[in-house]
Amino acid sequence: MILGSPAVAQTQPVRQCKAYVQGRIDVLDAQLHKGEEPNVARKLLKRRDRLKDQLADCEQNPKAYKKDI
């Protein structure tokens, strides 16, 4: 692929989306690893599951993560 081609330009937002969402998942995993109370841990797990769904959606809508910033 040639730099500046549409295929390369489209992959940049997808990479940014995946990197951002994966970073948030890693932070939640670290919080869970520290050990939280059961109610807090349950909320963190639900949030992590939503982020994993969002990570899968990065291909279709790579700019969706910006609403979280």
PDB file of N, CA and C in Angstrom:
ATOM      1  N   MET A   1       0.830  -1.187   0.000  1.00  0.00           N
ATOM      2  CA  MET A   1       0.000   0.000   0.000  1.00  0.00           C
ATOM      3  C   MET A   1       0.872   1.246   0.000  1.00  0.00           C
ATOM      4  N   ILE A   2       0.371   2.258  -0.619  1.00  0.00           N
ATOM      5  CA  ILE A   2       1.078   3.524  -0.698  1.00  0.00           C
ATOM      6  C   ILE A   2       0.563   4.424   0.423  1.00  0.00           C
ATOM      7  N   LEU A   3       1.495   5.093   1.080  1.00  0.00           N
ATOM      8  CA  LEU A   3       1.076   6.013   2.138  1.00  0.00           C
ATOM      9  C   LEU A   3       0.190   7.092   1.548  1.00  0.00           C
ATOM     10  N   GLY A   4      -0.834   7.449   2.249  1.00  0.00           N
ATOM     11  CA  GLY A   4      -1.760   8.458   1.773  1.00  0.00           C
ATOM     12  C   GLY A   4      -2.906   7.864   0.974  1.00  0.00           C
ATOM     13  N   SER A   5      -2.874   6.569   0.731  1.00  0.00           N
ATOM     14  CA  SER A   5      -3.972   5.931   0.009  1.00  0.00           C
ATOM     15  C   SER A   5      -5.177   5.832   0.943  1.00  0.00           C
ATOM     16  N   PRO A   6      -6.380   5.739   0.394  1.00  0.00           N
ATOM     17  CA  PRO A   6      -7.578   5.669   1.246  1.00  0.00           C
ATOM     18  C   PRO A   6      -7.568   4.486   2.211  1.00  0.00           C
ATOM     19  N   ALA A   7      -6.998   3.366   1.800  1.00  0.00           N
ATOM     20  CA  ALA A   7      -6.973   2.196   2.684  1.00  0.00           C
ATOM     21  C   ALA A   7      -6.148   2.464   3.932  1.00  0.00           C
ATOM     22  N   VAL A   8      -5.015   3.149   3.773  1.00  0.00           N
ATOM     23  CA  VAL A   8      -4.168   3.474   4.921  1.00  0.00           C
ATOM     24  C   VAL A   8      -4.847   4.523   5.791  1.00  0.00           C
ATOM     25  N   ALA A   9      -5.483   5.501   5.174  1.00  0.00           N
ATOM     26  CA  ALA A   9      -6.145   6.562   5.926  1.00  0.00           C
ATOM     27  C   ALA A   9      -7.301   6.007   6.755  1.00  0.00           C
ATOM     28  N   GLN A  10      -7.969   4.986   6.276  1.00  0.00           N
ATOM     29  CA  GLN A  10      -9.093   4.422   7.016  1.00  0.00           C
ATOM     30  C   GLN A  10      -8.629   3.579   8.189  1.00  0.00           C
ATOM     31  N   THR A  11      -7.448   3.018   8.106  1.00  0.00           N
ATOM     32  CA  THR A  11      -7.004   2.159   9.191  1.00  0.00           C
ATOM     33  C   THR A  11      -6.529   2.960  10.402  1.00  0.00           C
ATOM     34  N   GLN A  12      -6.093   4.196  10.203  1.00  0.00           N
ATOM     35  CA  GLN A  12      -5.606   5.011  11.315  1.00  0.00           C
ATOM     36  C   GLN A  12      -6.683   5.235  12.380  1.00  0.00           C
ATOM     37  N   PRO A  13      -7.896   5.681  12.021  1.00  0.00           N
ATOM     38  CA  PRO A  13      -8.925   5.844  13.062  1.00  0.00           C
ATOM     39  C   PRO A  13      -9.293   4.526  13.742  1.00  0.00           C
ATOM     40  N   VAL A  14      -9.267   3.433  12.988  1.00  0.00           N
ATOM     41  CA  VAL A  14      -9.582   2.132  13.580  1.00  0.00           C
ATOM     42  C   VAL A  14      -8.517   1.767  14.605  1.00  0.00           C
ATOM     43  N   ARG A  15      -7.255   2.003  14.267  1.00  0.00           N
ATOM     44  CA  ARG A  15      -6.170   1.712  15.218  1.00  0.00           C
ATOM     45  C   ARG A  15      -6.286   2.583  16.455  1.00  0.00           C
ATOM     46  N   GLN A  16      -6.604   3.869  16.267  1.00  0.00           N
ATOM     47  CA  GLN A  16      -6.753   4.763  17.413  1.00  0.00           C
ATOM     48  C   GLN A  16      -7.899   4.306  18.307  1.00  0.00           C
ATOM     49  N   CYS A  17      -8.994   3.922  17.687  1.00  0.00           N
ATOM     50  CA  CYS A  17     -10.156   3.448  18.445  1.00  0.00           C
ATOM     51  C   CYS A  17      -9.789   2.213  19.255  1.00  0.00           C
ATOM     52  N   LYS A  18      -9.166   1.246  18.600  1.00  0.00           N
ATOM     53  CA  LYS A  18      -8.811   0.004  19.289  1.00  0.00           C
ATOM     54  C   LYS A  18      -7.809   0.248  20.405  1.00  0.00           C
ATOM     55  N   ALA A  19      -6.837   1.122  20.167  1.00  0.00           N
ATOM     56  CA  ALA A  19      -5.830   1.406  21.189  1.00  0.00           C
ATOM     57  C   ALA A  19      -6.468   2.080  22.404  1.00  0.00           C
ATOM     58  N   TYR A  20      -7.358   3.037  22.161  1.00  0.00           N
ATOM     59  CA  TYR A  20      -8.012   3.744  23.259  1.00  0.00           C
ATOM     60  C   TYR A  20      -8.886   2.795  24.082  1.00  0.00           C
ATOM     61  N   VAL A  21      -9.724   2.029  23.389  1.00  0.00           N
ATOM     62  CA  VAL A  21     -10.646   1.136  24.095  1.00  0.00           C
ATOM     63  C   VAL A  21      -9.872   0.042  24.822  1.00  0.00           C
ATOM     64  N   GLN A  22      -8.834  -0.504  24.195  1.00  0.00           N
ATOM     65  CA  GLN A  22      -8.037  -1.543  24.845  1.00  0.00           C
ATOM     66  C   GLN A  22      -7.334  -0.985  26.080  1.00  0.00           C
ATOM     67  N   GLY A  23      -6.896   0.263  26.020  1.00  0.00           N
ATOM     68  CA  GLY A  23      -6.282   0.902  27.182  1.00  0.00           C
ATOM     69  C   GLY A  23      -7.254   1.008  28.345  1.00  0.00           C
ATOM     70  N   ARG A  24      -8.501   1.352  28.043  1.00  0.00           N
ATOM     71  CA  ARG A  24      -9.517   1.431  29.102  1.00  0.00           C
ATOM     72  C   ARG A  24      -9.812   0.057  29.685  1.00  0.00           C
ATOM     73  N   ILE A  25      -9.815  -0.972  28.828  1.00  0.00           N
ATOM     74  CA  ILE A  25     -10.028  -2.340  29.311  1.00  0.00           C
ATOM     75  C   ILE A  25      -8.881  -2.747  30.228  1.00  0.00           C
ATOM     76  N   ASP A  26      -7.654  -2.390  29.861  1.00  0.00           N
ATOM     77  CA  ASP A  26      -6.492  -2.729  30.684  1.00  0.00           C
ATOM     78  C   ASP A  26      -6.566  -2.067  32.057  1.00  0.00           C
ATOM     79  N   VAL A  27      -7.037  -0.823  32.095  1.00  0.00           N
ATOM     80  CA  VAL A  27      -7.178  -0.119  33.373  1.00  0.00           C
ATOM     81  C   VAL A  27      -8.209  -0.830  34.257  1.00  0.00           C
ATOM     82  N   LEU A  28      -9.327  -1.221  33.664  1.00  0.00           N
ATOM     83  CA  LEU A  28     -10.345  -1.941  34.439  1.00  0.00           C
ATOM     84  C   LEU A  28      -9.817  -3.284  34.929  1.00  0.00           C
ATOM     85  N   ASP A  29      -9.060  -3.979  34.085  1.00  0.00           N
ATOM     86  CA  ASP A  29      -8.468  -5.254  34.506  1.00  0.00           C
ATOM     87  C   ASP A  29      -7.530  -5.049  35.696  1.00  0.00           C
ATOM     88  N   ALA A  30      -6.768  -3.954  35.671  1.00  0.00           N
ATOM     89  CA  ALA A  30      -5.857  -3.666  36.783  1.00  0.00           C
ATOM     90  C   ALA A  30      -6.646  -3.390  38.063  1.00  0.00           C
ATOM     91  N   GLN A  31      -7.749  -2.658  37.942  1.00  0.00           N
ATOM     92  CA  GLN A  31      -8.579  -2.388  39.115  1.00  0.00           C
ATOM     93  C   GLN A  31      -9.178  -3.678  39.666  1.00  0.00           C
ATOM     94  N   LEU A  32      -9.616  -4.554  38.774  1.00  0.00           N
ATOM     95  CA  LEU A  32     -10.179  -5.831  39.216  1.00  0.00           C
ATOM     96  C   LEU A  32      -9.115  -6.701  39.871  1.00  0.00           C
ATOM     97  N   HIS A  33      -7.895  -6.630  39.358  1.00  0.00           N
ATOM     98  CA  HIS A  33      -6.805  -7.442  39.895  1.00  0.00           C
ATOM     99  C   HIS A  33      -6.438  -7.008  41.318  1.00  0.00           C
ATOM    100  N   LYS A  34      -6.602  -5.709  41.608  1.00  0.00           N
ATOM    101  CA  LYS A  34      -6.305  -5.212  42.952  1.00  0.00           C
ATOM    102  C   LYS A  34      -7.251  -5.804  43.981  1.00  0.00           C
ATOM    103  N   GLY A  35      -8.421  -6.166  43.525  1.00  0.00           N
ATOM    104  CA  GLY A  35      -9.414  -6.722  44.448  1.00  0.00           C
ATOM    105  C   GLY A  35     -10.357  -5.631  44.905  1.00  0.00           C
ATOM    106  N   GLU A  36     -11.570  -5.751  44.533  1.00  0.00           N
ATOM    107  CA  GLU A  36     -12.597  -4.783  44.902  1.00  0.00           C
ATOM    108  C   GLU A  36     -13.713  -5.513  45.639  1.00  0.00           C
ATOM    109  N   GLU A  37     -14.576  -4.745  46.257  1.00  0.00           N
ATOM    110  CA  GLU A  37     -15.752  -5.326  46.890  1.00  0.00           C
ATOM    111  C   GLU A  37     -16.625  -5.953  45.798  1.00  0.00           C
ATOM    112  N   PRO A  38     -17.419  -6.952  46.150  1.00  0.00           N
ATOM    113  CA  PRO A  38     -18.221  -7.647  45.130  1.00  0.00           C
ATOM    114  C   PRO A  38     -19.115  -6.726  44.298  1.00  0.00           C
ATOM    115  N   ASN A  39     -19.769  -5.754  44.932  1.00  0.00           N
ATOM    116  CA  ASN A  39     -20.647  -4.856  44.177  1.00  0.00           C
ATOM    117  C   ASN A  39     -19.853  -4.010  43.190  1.00  0.00           C
ATOM    118  N   VAL A  40     -18.710  -3.511  43.623  1.00  0.00           N
ATOM    119  CA  VAL A  40     -17.863  -2.694  42.757  1.00  0.00           C
ATOM    120  C   VAL A  40     -17.293  -3.555  41.638  1.00  0.00           C
ATOM    121  N   ALA A  41     -16.860  -4.757  41.971  1.00  0.00           N
ATOM    122  CA  ALA A  41     -16.295  -5.658  40.965  1.00  0.00           C
ATOM    123  C   ALA A  41     -17.337  -5.999  39.905  1.00  0.00           C
ATOM    124  N   ARG A  42     -18.567  -6.191  40.313  1.00  0.00           N
ATOM    125  CA  ARG A  42     -19.637  -6.502  39.357  1.00  0.00           C
ATOM    126  C   ARG A  42     -19.827  -5.346  38.377  1.00  0.00           C
ATOM    127  N   LYS A  43     -19.805  -4.116  38.884  1.00  0.00           N
ATOM    128  CA  LYS A  43     -19.945  -2.944  38.014  1.00  0.00           C
ATOM    129  C   LYS A  43     -18.766  -2.838  37.053  1.00  0.00           C
ATOM    130  N   LEU A  44     -17.565  -3.110  37.558  1.00  0.00           N
ATOM    131  CA  LEU A  44     -16.383  -3.049  36.699  1.00  0.00           C
ATOM    132  C   LEU A  44     -16.439  -4.113  35.607  1.00  0.00           C
ATOM    133  N   LEU A  45     -16.925  -5.296  35.947  1.00  0.00           N
ATOM    134  CA  LEU A  45     -17.051  -6.356  34.943  1.00  0.00           C
ATOM    135  C   LEU A  45     -18.064  -5.984  33.865  1.00  0.00           C
ATOM    136  N   LYS A  46     -19.173  -5.378  34.269  1.00  0.00           N
ATOM    137  CA  LYS A  46     -20.172  -4.946  33.283  1.00  0.00           C
ATOM    138  C   LYS A  46     -19.584  -3.881  32.368  1.00  0.00           C
ATOM    139  N   ARG A  47     -18.847  -2.939  32.960  1.00  0.00           N
ATOM    140  CA  ARG A  47     -18.227  -1.886  32.159  1.00  0.00           C
ATOM    141  C   ARG A  47     -17.205  -2.483  31.195  1.00  0.00           C
ATOM    142  N   ARG A  48     -16.432  -3.468  31.673  1.00  0.00           N
ATOM    143  CA  ARG A  48     -15.433  -4.112  30.817  1.00  0.00           C
ATOM    144  C   ARG A  48     -16.105  -4.856  29.661  1.00  0.00           C
ATOM    145  N   ASP A  49     -17.232  -5.497  29.932  1.00  0.00           N
ATOM    146  CA  ASP A  49     -17.962  -6.188  28.866  1.00  0.00           C
ATOM    147  C   ASP A  49     -18.470  -5.207  27.814  1.00  0.00           C
ATOM    148  N   ARG A  50     -18.960  -4.044  28.263  1.00  0.00           N
ATOM    149  CA  ARG A  50     -19.410  -3.030  27.304  1.00  0.00           C
ATOM    150  C   ARG A  50     -18.242  -2.523  26.466  1.00  0.00           C
ATOM    151  N   LEU A  51     -17.078  -2.362  27.102  1.00  0.00           N
ATOM    152  CA  LEU A  51     -15.903  -1.910  26.365  1.00  0.00           C
ATOM    153  C   LEU A  51     -15.443  -2.958  25.358  1.00  0.00           C
ATOM    154  N   LYS A  52     -15.552  -4.225  25.711  1.00  0.00           N
ATOM    155  CA  LYS A  52     -15.179  -5.276  24.758  1.00  0.00           C
ATOM    156  C   LYS A  52     -16.111  -5.257  23.552  1.00  0.00           C
ATOM    157  N   ASP A  53     -17.392  -4.978  23.782  1.00  0.00           N
ATOM    158  CA  ASP A  53     -18.328  -4.833  22.663  1.00  0.00           C
ATOM    159  C   ASP A  53     -17.953  -3.624  21.812  1.00  0.00           C
ATOM    160  N   GLN A  54     -17.567  -2.540  22.477  1.00  0.00           N
ATOM    161  CA  GLN A  54     -17.167  -1.335  21.761  1.00  0.00           C
ATOM    162  C   GLN A  54     -15.894  -1.590  20.956  1.00  0.00           C
ATOM    163  N   LEU A  55     -14.994  -2.393  21.491  1.00  0.00           N
ATOM    164  CA  LEU A  55     -13.769  -2.737  20.779  1.00  0.00           C
ATOM    165  C   LEU A  55     -14.103  -3.463  19.482  1.00  0.00           C
ATOM    166  N   ALA A  56     -15.070  -4.353  19.527  1.00  0.00           N
ATOM    167  CA  ALA A  56     -15.489  -5.063  18.317  1.00  0.00           C
ATOM    168  C   ALA A  56     -16.158  -4.113  17.326  1.00  0.00           C
ATOM    169  N   ASP A  57     -16.811  -3.059  17.826  1.00  0.00           N
ATOM    170  CA  ASP A  57     -17.491  -2.103  16.954  1.00  0.00           C
ATOM    171  C   ASP A  57     -16.549  -1.092  16.319  1.00  0.00           C
ATOM    172  N   CYS A  58     -15.286  -1.090  16.702  1.00  0.00           N
ATOM    173  CA  CYS A  58     -14.335  -0.125  16.145  1.00  0.00           C
ATOM    174  C   CYS A  58     -14.210  -0.257  14.628  1.00  0.00           C
ATOM    175  N   GLU A  59     -14.385  -1.446  14.100  1.00  0.00           N
ATOM    176  CA  GLU A  59     -14.287  -1.645  12.653  1.00  0.00           C
ATOM    177  C   GLU A  59     -15.395  -0.886  11.922  1.00  0.00           C
ATOM    178  N   GLN A  60     -16.631  -0.951  12.441  1.00  0.00           N
ATOM    179  CA  GLN A  60     -17.756  -0.304  11.770  1.00  0.00           C
ATOM    180  C   GLN A  60     -17.814   1.192  12.057  1.00  0.00           C
ATOM    181  N   ASN A  61     -17.491   1.586  13.269  1.00  0.00           N
ATOM    182  CA  ASN A  61     -17.615   2.989  13.663  1.00  0.00           C
ATOM    183  C   ASN A  61     -16.398   3.387  14.495  1.00  0.00           C
ATOM    184  N   PRO A  62     -15.267   3.682  13.845  1.00  0.00           N
ATOM    185  CA  PRO A  62     -14.040   3.949  14.595  1.00  0.00           C
ATOM    186  C   PRO A  62     -14.048   5.253  15.386  1.00  0.00           C
ATOM    187  N   LYS A  63     -15.011   6.131  15.150  1.00  0.00           N
ATOM    188  CA  LYS A  63     -15.031   7.402  15.879  1.00  0.00           C
ATOM    189  C   LYS A  63     -15.988   7.375  17.067  1.00  0.00           C
ATOM    190  N   ALA A  64     -16.635   6.249  17.297  1.00  0.00           N
ATOM    191  CA  ALA A  64     -17.613   6.149  18.389  1.00  0.00           C
ATOM    192  C   ALA A  64     -16.958   6.329  19.751  1.00  0.00           C
ATOM    193  N   TYR A  65     -15.693   5.941  19.875  1.00  0.00           N
ATOM    194  CA  TYR A  65     -15.031   6.026  21.177  1.00  0.00           C
ATOM    195  C   TYR A  65     -14.831   7.464  21.621  1.00  0.00           C
ATOM    196  N   LYS A  66     -14.855   8.418  20.699  1.00  0.00           N
ATOM    197  CA  LYS A  66     -14.579   9.814  21.050  1.00  0.00           C
ATOM    198  C   LYS A  66     -15.638  10.406  21.964  1.00  0.00           C
ATOM    199  N   LYS A  67     -16.835   9.814  21.988  1.00  0.00           N
ATOM    200  CA  LYS A  67     -17.864  10.331  22.891  1.00  0.00           C
ATOM    201  C   LYS A  67     -17.498  10.083  24.347  1.00  0.00           C
ATOM    202  N   ASP A  68     -16.580   9.142  24.591  1.00  0.00           N
ATOM    203  CA  ASP A  68     -16.147   8.833  25.955  1.00  0.00           C
ATOM    204  C   ASP A  68     -15.047   9.767  26.446  1.00  0.00           C
ATOM    205  N   ILE A  69     -14.432  10.479  25.540  1.00  0.00           N
ATOM    206  CA  ILE A  69     -13.279  11.318  25.906  1.00  0.00           C
ATOM    207  C   ILE A  69     -13.748  12.628  26.499  1.00  0.00           C
TER     208      ILE A  69
END
